[in-house]
Structure formats: structure tokens, C-alpha cells
Amino acid sequence: MRMRYAAIAVATLTYVALTHWLMTAAPGSAWLAVALVVPLLVGASLVAWRKRWRVVAALGFALAAGLVGMAMAGAGASAPLVYLGQHVAVHLALAAVFGVTLRRGATPLITALADRVHGPLTPAKKVYTRKLTIVWVAYFTSMAALSVLLFVAAPFEAWAVFANLVTPLAMGVLFIGEYWLRFVLHPEFERTRLIDAVRAYSQHGRAAPTPPAPQRRP
């Protein structure tokens, strides 16, 4: 399992580095934009479909197909705008995924994840995890707004650094920082490993295994 996550991390870092280099080397190529953005959209859509987020998956597939169609038709879509749209759309989609679980009667996403690792949760833990879900919604929304602001106010190269390098680093800082701060402010949480949180997220949305029916004795 550790080797699997390590391979995913290496592949992700390689993709980020290659994307940044290609994006800044040929920022005006529409087909390059398609080559960089569409695989990410398709991969994210497959994950959303697997987790039964049908609307998010359908939007991702439709956007990927639309980008390919525009490139084939020679519509001349601005490659930088394609990059911006992908970056903003991903963050707004994540904000929606977290935010929809905050509606009345629903279980906040972080609460559901924490219940897999720390459950059953006490009322104090439920309050904390609900607030943390709100923090993630605010984070994703803020990153989308900052992306648009930087795209308009700064050179494309500066925006590319923000999108490709700063964005994943900021997410990692928030994730690890919260993990550390959680046990400082809320020692009632049991000590767990970061890998447990990652595994809980990867398993979220899957149906719980059905226990075998008891066998009757003859």
C-alpha cells in the first residue's frame, strides 16, 4: 500500500513539473492545452463517477469532450484561458463537493471521513469536523478567486507558477498543518497516521462490506 501511494506521489510530481514546463514553453498552443488538461479532467471525472458524484463526473466528461471538439474544429480557443478555466473549475468543483455536505440533514464530508478513522465521533468532534469542512470550502473558493485575480493582474508565467507549484504546496500545507493543529487544540482525537486519513478519503463513498450471514446449525 505504501509503495502504491509513493508511486502516485512520484507520478503526480512528474506530471506537475512536466505541465509547468510545457505550459510556459508553448503557452499559445491550443492542442498542448488539450493534451495537458483533458487527461486530468478525465481522471478526475472517473474518480467522481466511482464515488457516485454523477453530476460532477458528467460535467468533467462534457468539458473534456468540448475542449477536444474545439481543437479539432480549429476554434482557436485561447490556451491560457483553457488553463485558467481548468484550474478554477477544479477548485470550484471541490468546493461544491465539500459544500453540498454542509446542507441541513447531511453529514459534512470531513465528519464522514473522521468517523472512519476516529469513530464513533463525540459531539465536540462533530462540531470540529464540520468547521473544518467549512475551512476547506473557503480554501477552494479562495484559490479559485486568487487564480482569476492573478491571471488578470500578472504575467501568465506568474500565474503558471501559482497554478502548478503554489497550489499543490498550499493544499499540502493546509492538510499537514491541520493534522498537527488538530492534536494541539483537540487532544481528544486519537493519534493516527496521515496515511490513515488518505486511505479514509480514498475509501469514502464505497459501500460498507456486508457481514456474512450467520450460519444455522443443523
Protein backbone atom coordinates (compact mmCIF):
# COMPACT_ATOMS: atom_id res chain seq x y z
CA MET A 1 0.00 0.00 0.00
CA ARG A 2 2.84 2.39 0.84
CA MET A 3 4.51 1.65 -2.48
CA ARG A 4 1.24 2.40 -4.25
CA TYR A 5 0.89 5.82 -2.61
CA ALA A 6 4.58 6.55 -3.19
CA ALA A 7 4.17 5.73 -6.90
CA ILE A 8 1.12 8.01 -7.09
CA ALA A 9 3.08 10.82 -5.43
CA VAL A 10 6.02 10.44 -7.84
CA ALA A 11 3.70 10.35 -10.86
CA THR A 12 1.87 13.44 -9.62
CA LEU A 13 5.08 15.41 -9.09
CA THR A 14 6.34 14.38 -12.52
CA TYR A 15 3.08 15.45 -14.14
CA VAL A 16 3.14 18.81 -12.32
CA ALA A 17 6.74 19.53 -13.35
CA LEU A 18 6.12 18.49 -16.98
CA THR A 19 2.91 20.50 -17.14
CA HIS A 20 4.59 23.65 -15.86
CA TRP A 21 7.46 23.31 -18.32
CA LEU A 22 5.22 22.70 -21.31
CA MET A 23 2.73 25.37 -20.28
CA THR A 24 5.38 28.07 -20.09
CA ALA A 25 7.33 26.82 -23.13
CA ALA A 26 4.36 26.96 -25.50
CA PRO A 27 1.60 28.95 -23.80
CA GLY A 28 -0.29 29.65 -27.04
CA SER A 29 -0.78 26.07 -28.28
CA ALA A 30 -4.44 25.02 -28.07
CA TRP A 31 -3.60 21.35 -28.72
CA LEU A 32 -1.00 21.43 -25.96
CA ALA A 33 -3.64 22.82 -23.64
CA VAL A 34 -5.91 19.94 -24.60
CA ALA A 35 -3.12 17.39 -24.05
CA LEU A 36 -2.42 18.75 -20.58
CA VAL A 37 -5.93 19.47 -19.38
CA VAL A 38 -8.06 16.66 -20.85
CA PRO A 39 -6.26 13.73 -19.14
CA LEU A 40 -6.63 15.50 -15.80
CA LEU A 41 -10.32 16.15 -16.43
CA VAL A 42 -10.96 12.57 -17.49
CA GLY A 43 -9.08 11.18 -14.48
CA ALA A 44 -10.95 13.43 -12.06
CA SER A 45 -14.25 12.55 -13.73
CA LEU A 46 -13.55 8.83 -13.37
CA VAL A 47 -12.83 9.30 -9.68
CA ALA A 48 -16.04 11.32 -9.29
CA TRP A 49 -18.02 8.63 -11.11
CA ARG A 50 -16.54 5.94 -8.88
CA LYS A 51 -17.58 7.93 -5.81
CA ARG A 52 -21.07 8.36 -7.32
CA TRP A 53 -20.76 12.11 -7.82
CA ARG A 54 -22.57 11.73 -11.13
CA VAL A 55 -23.15 15.43 -11.86
CA VAL A 56 -19.51 16.36 -11.29
CA ALA A 57 -18.37 13.41 -13.42
CA ALA A 58 -20.75 14.30 -16.24
CA LEU A 59 -19.60 17.93 -16.27
CA GLY A 60 -15.97 16.83 -16.37
CA PHE A 61 -16.52 14.45 -19.28
CA ALA A 62 -18.55 17.08 -21.15
CA LEU A 63 -15.87 19.73 -20.66
CA ALA A 64 -13.13 17.35 -21.84
CA ALA A 65 -15.13 16.43 -24.94
CA GLY A 66 -15.84 20.09 -25.63
CA LEU A 67 -12.16 21.03 -25.49
CA VAL A 68 -11.22 18.24 -27.89
CA GLY A 69 -14.03 19.25 -30.24
CA MET A 70 -12.96 22.89 -30.23
CA ALA A 71 -9.37 21.94 -31.02
CA MET A 72 -10.44 19.62 -33.86
CA ALA A 73 -12.71 22.31 -35.31
CA GLY A 74 -9.93 24.88 -35.17
CA ALA A 75 -11.97 27.16 -32.98
CA GLY A 76 -8.82 28.83 -31.80
CA ALA A 77 -9.61 28.79 -28.11
CA SER A 78 -7.10 30.73 -26.07
CA ALA A 79 -4.80 28.19 -24.43
CA PRO A 80 -4.16 30.37 -21.33
CA LEU A 81 -7.91 30.74 -20.86
CA VAL A 82 -8.28 26.95 -21.11
CA TYR A 83 -5.68 26.55 -18.36
CA LEU A 84 -7.43 29.15 -16.23
CA GLY A 85 -10.82 27.55 -16.74
CA GLN A 86 -9.50 24.13 -15.76
CA HIS A 87 -7.80 25.45 -12.61
CA VAL A 88 -10.82 27.46 -11.49
CA ALA A 89 -13.32 24.72 -12.39
CA VAL A 90 -11.44 22.08 -10.39
CA HIS A 91 -11.36 24.25 -7.28
CA LEU A 92 -15.00 25.28 -7.58
CA ALA A 93 -15.98 21.64 -8.11
CA LEU A 94 -14.09 20.63 -4.96
CA ALA A 95 -15.72 23.49 -3.06
CA ALA A 96 -19.10 22.18 -4.24
CA VAL A 97 -18.26 18.59 -3.24
CA PHE A 98 -17.39 19.73 0.28
CA GLY A 99 -20.06 22.41 0.47
CA VAL A 100 -23.02 20.24 -0.51
CA THR A 101 -22.37 18.06 2.53
CA LEU A 102 -22.98 21.08 4.78
CA ARG A 103 -26.65 21.27 3.90
CA ARG A 104 -29.18 20.53 6.60
CA GLY A 105 -29.60 16.85 7.26
CA ALA A 106 -26.35 15.85 5.52
CA THR A 107 -23.11 14.66 7.10
CA PRO A 108 -20.20 17.06 6.50
CA LEU A 109 -17.52 15.44 4.37
CA ILE A 110 -14.74 15.78 6.96
CA THR A 111 -17.09 14.39 9.60
CA ALA A 112 -17.73 11.32 7.46
CA LEU A 113 -14.01 10.84 6.85
CA ALA A 114 -13.13 11.32 10.52
CA ASP A 115 -15.78 8.82 11.52
CA ARG A 116 -13.92 6.18 9.51
CA VAL A 117 -10.70 6.87 11.40
CA HIS A 118 -11.81 8.13 14.83
CA GLY A 119 -15.43 6.95 15.00
CA PRO A 120 -17.78 6.94 16.67
CA LEU A 121 -17.40 10.71 16.99
CA THR A 122 -18.32 12.68 20.08
CA PRO A 123 -20.43 15.88 19.71
CA ALA A 124 -17.29 18.01 20.12
CA LYS A 125 -15.56 16.11 17.32
CA LYS A 126 -18.58 16.53 15.07
CA VAL A 127 -18.55 20.29 15.64
CA TYR A 128 -14.83 20.49 14.88
CA THR A 129 -15.04 18.41 11.70
CA ARG A 130 -17.99 20.45 10.46
CA LYS A 131 -15.96 23.65 10.95
CA LEU A 132 -13.04 22.02 9.15
CA THR A 133 -15.29 21.19 6.20
CA ILE A 134 -16.21 24.88 6.06
CA VAL A 135 -12.49 25.76 6.08
CA TRP A 136 -11.89 23.53 3.04
CA VAL A 137 -14.81 25.11 1.20
CA ALA A 138 -13.36 28.56 1.93
CA TYR A 139 -9.91 27.40 0.83
CA PHE A 140 -11.04 26.04 -2.54
CA THR A 141 -13.20 29.10 -3.20
CA SER A 142 -10.36 31.46 -2.28
CA MET A 143 -7.91 29.63 -4.53
CA ALA A 144 -10.33 29.97 -7.46
CA ALA A 145 -10.71 33.70 -6.81
CA LEU A 146 -6.96 34.19 -6.44
CA SER A 147 -6.40 32.30 -9.67
CA VAL A 148 -8.66 34.68 -11.62
CA LEU A 149 -7.16 37.76 -9.93
CA LEU A 150 -3.57 36.70 -10.63
CA PHE A 151 -4.39 35.74 -14.22
CA VAL A 152 -5.78 39.23 -14.86
CA ALA A 153 -3.20 41.23 -12.92
CA ALA A 154 0.08 39.37 -13.53
CA PRO A 155 2.01 37.83 -16.42
CA PHE A 156 0.98 34.34 -17.50
CA GLU A 157 4.28 32.90 -16.24
CA ALA A 158 3.50 34.12 -12.71
CA TRP A 159 0.03 32.59 -12.89
CA ALA A 160 1.53 29.29 -14.11
CA VAL A 161 3.80 29.17 -11.05
CA PHE A 162 0.79 29.77 -8.84
CA ALA A 163 -1.37 27.14 -10.58
CA ASN A 164 1.24 24.40 -10.97
CA LEU A 165 3.51 24.85 -7.96
CA VAL A 166 1.92 27.04 -5.30
CA THR A 167 -1.49 25.35 -5.48
CA PRO A 168 -0.37 21.78 -4.57
CA LEU A 169 2.05 23.14 -1.95
CA ALA A 170 -0.71 25.23 -0.34
CA MET A 171 -3.02 22.21 -0.21
CA GLY A 172 -0.27 20.13 1.39
CA VAL A 173 0.47 22.84 3.96
CA LEU A 174 -3.21 23.09 4.90
CA PHE A 175 -3.60 19.32 5.13
CA ILE A 176 -0.46 18.72 7.21
CA GLY A 177 -0.91 21.90 9.26
CA GLU A 178 -4.43 20.91 10.24
CA TYR A 179 -3.23 17.42 11.13
CA TRP A 180 -0.70 18.91 13.56
CA LEU A 181 -3.01 21.62 14.93
CA ARG A 182 -5.83 19.13 15.49
CA PHE A 183 -3.95 17.30 18.23
CA VAL A 184 -2.82 20.59 19.81
CA LEU A 185 -6.30 22.14 20.03
CA HIS A 186 -8.27 18.90 20.33
CA PRO A 187 -6.26 16.23 22.16
CA GLU A 188 -9.45 14.16 22.42
CA PHE A 189 -8.75 12.97 18.88
CA GLU A 190 -6.87 9.69 18.88
CA ARG A 191 -3.41 9.76 17.34
CA THR A 192 -3.48 8.48 13.78
CA ARG A 193 -1.17 8.46 10.80
CA LEU A 194 -1.53 10.72 7.79
CA ILE A 195 -1.80 7.61 5.64
CA ASP A 196 -4.97 6.68 7.55
CA ALA A 197 -6.60 9.97 6.53
CA VAL A 198 -5.58 9.43 2.90
CA ARG A 199 -6.94 5.88 2.99
CA ALA A 200 -10.21 7.09 4.54
CA TYR A 201 -10.68 9.61 1.75
CA SER A 202 -9.88 7.05 -0.94
CA GLN A 203 -12.49 4.70 0.51
CA HIS A 204 -15.14 7.37 1.06
CA GLY A 205 -18.30 6.71 -0.92
CA ARG A 206 -17.76 2.98 -1.19
CA ALA A 207 -20.42 0.78 0.22
CA ALA A 208 -19.54 -0.79 3.53
CA PRO A 209 -18.87 -4.51 3.23
CA THR A 210 -21.86 -6.65 4.15
CA PRO A 211 -21.08 -9.02 7.00
CA PRO A 212 -21.66 -12.69 6.23
CA ALA A 213 -24.99 -14.10 7.35
CA PRO A 214 -24.75 -16.32 10.39
CA GLN A 215 -24.90 -19.99 9.58
CA ARG A 216 -27.57 -22.05 11.22
CA ARG A 217 -26.57 -25.16 12.96
CA PRO A 218 -28.30 -28.30 11.76
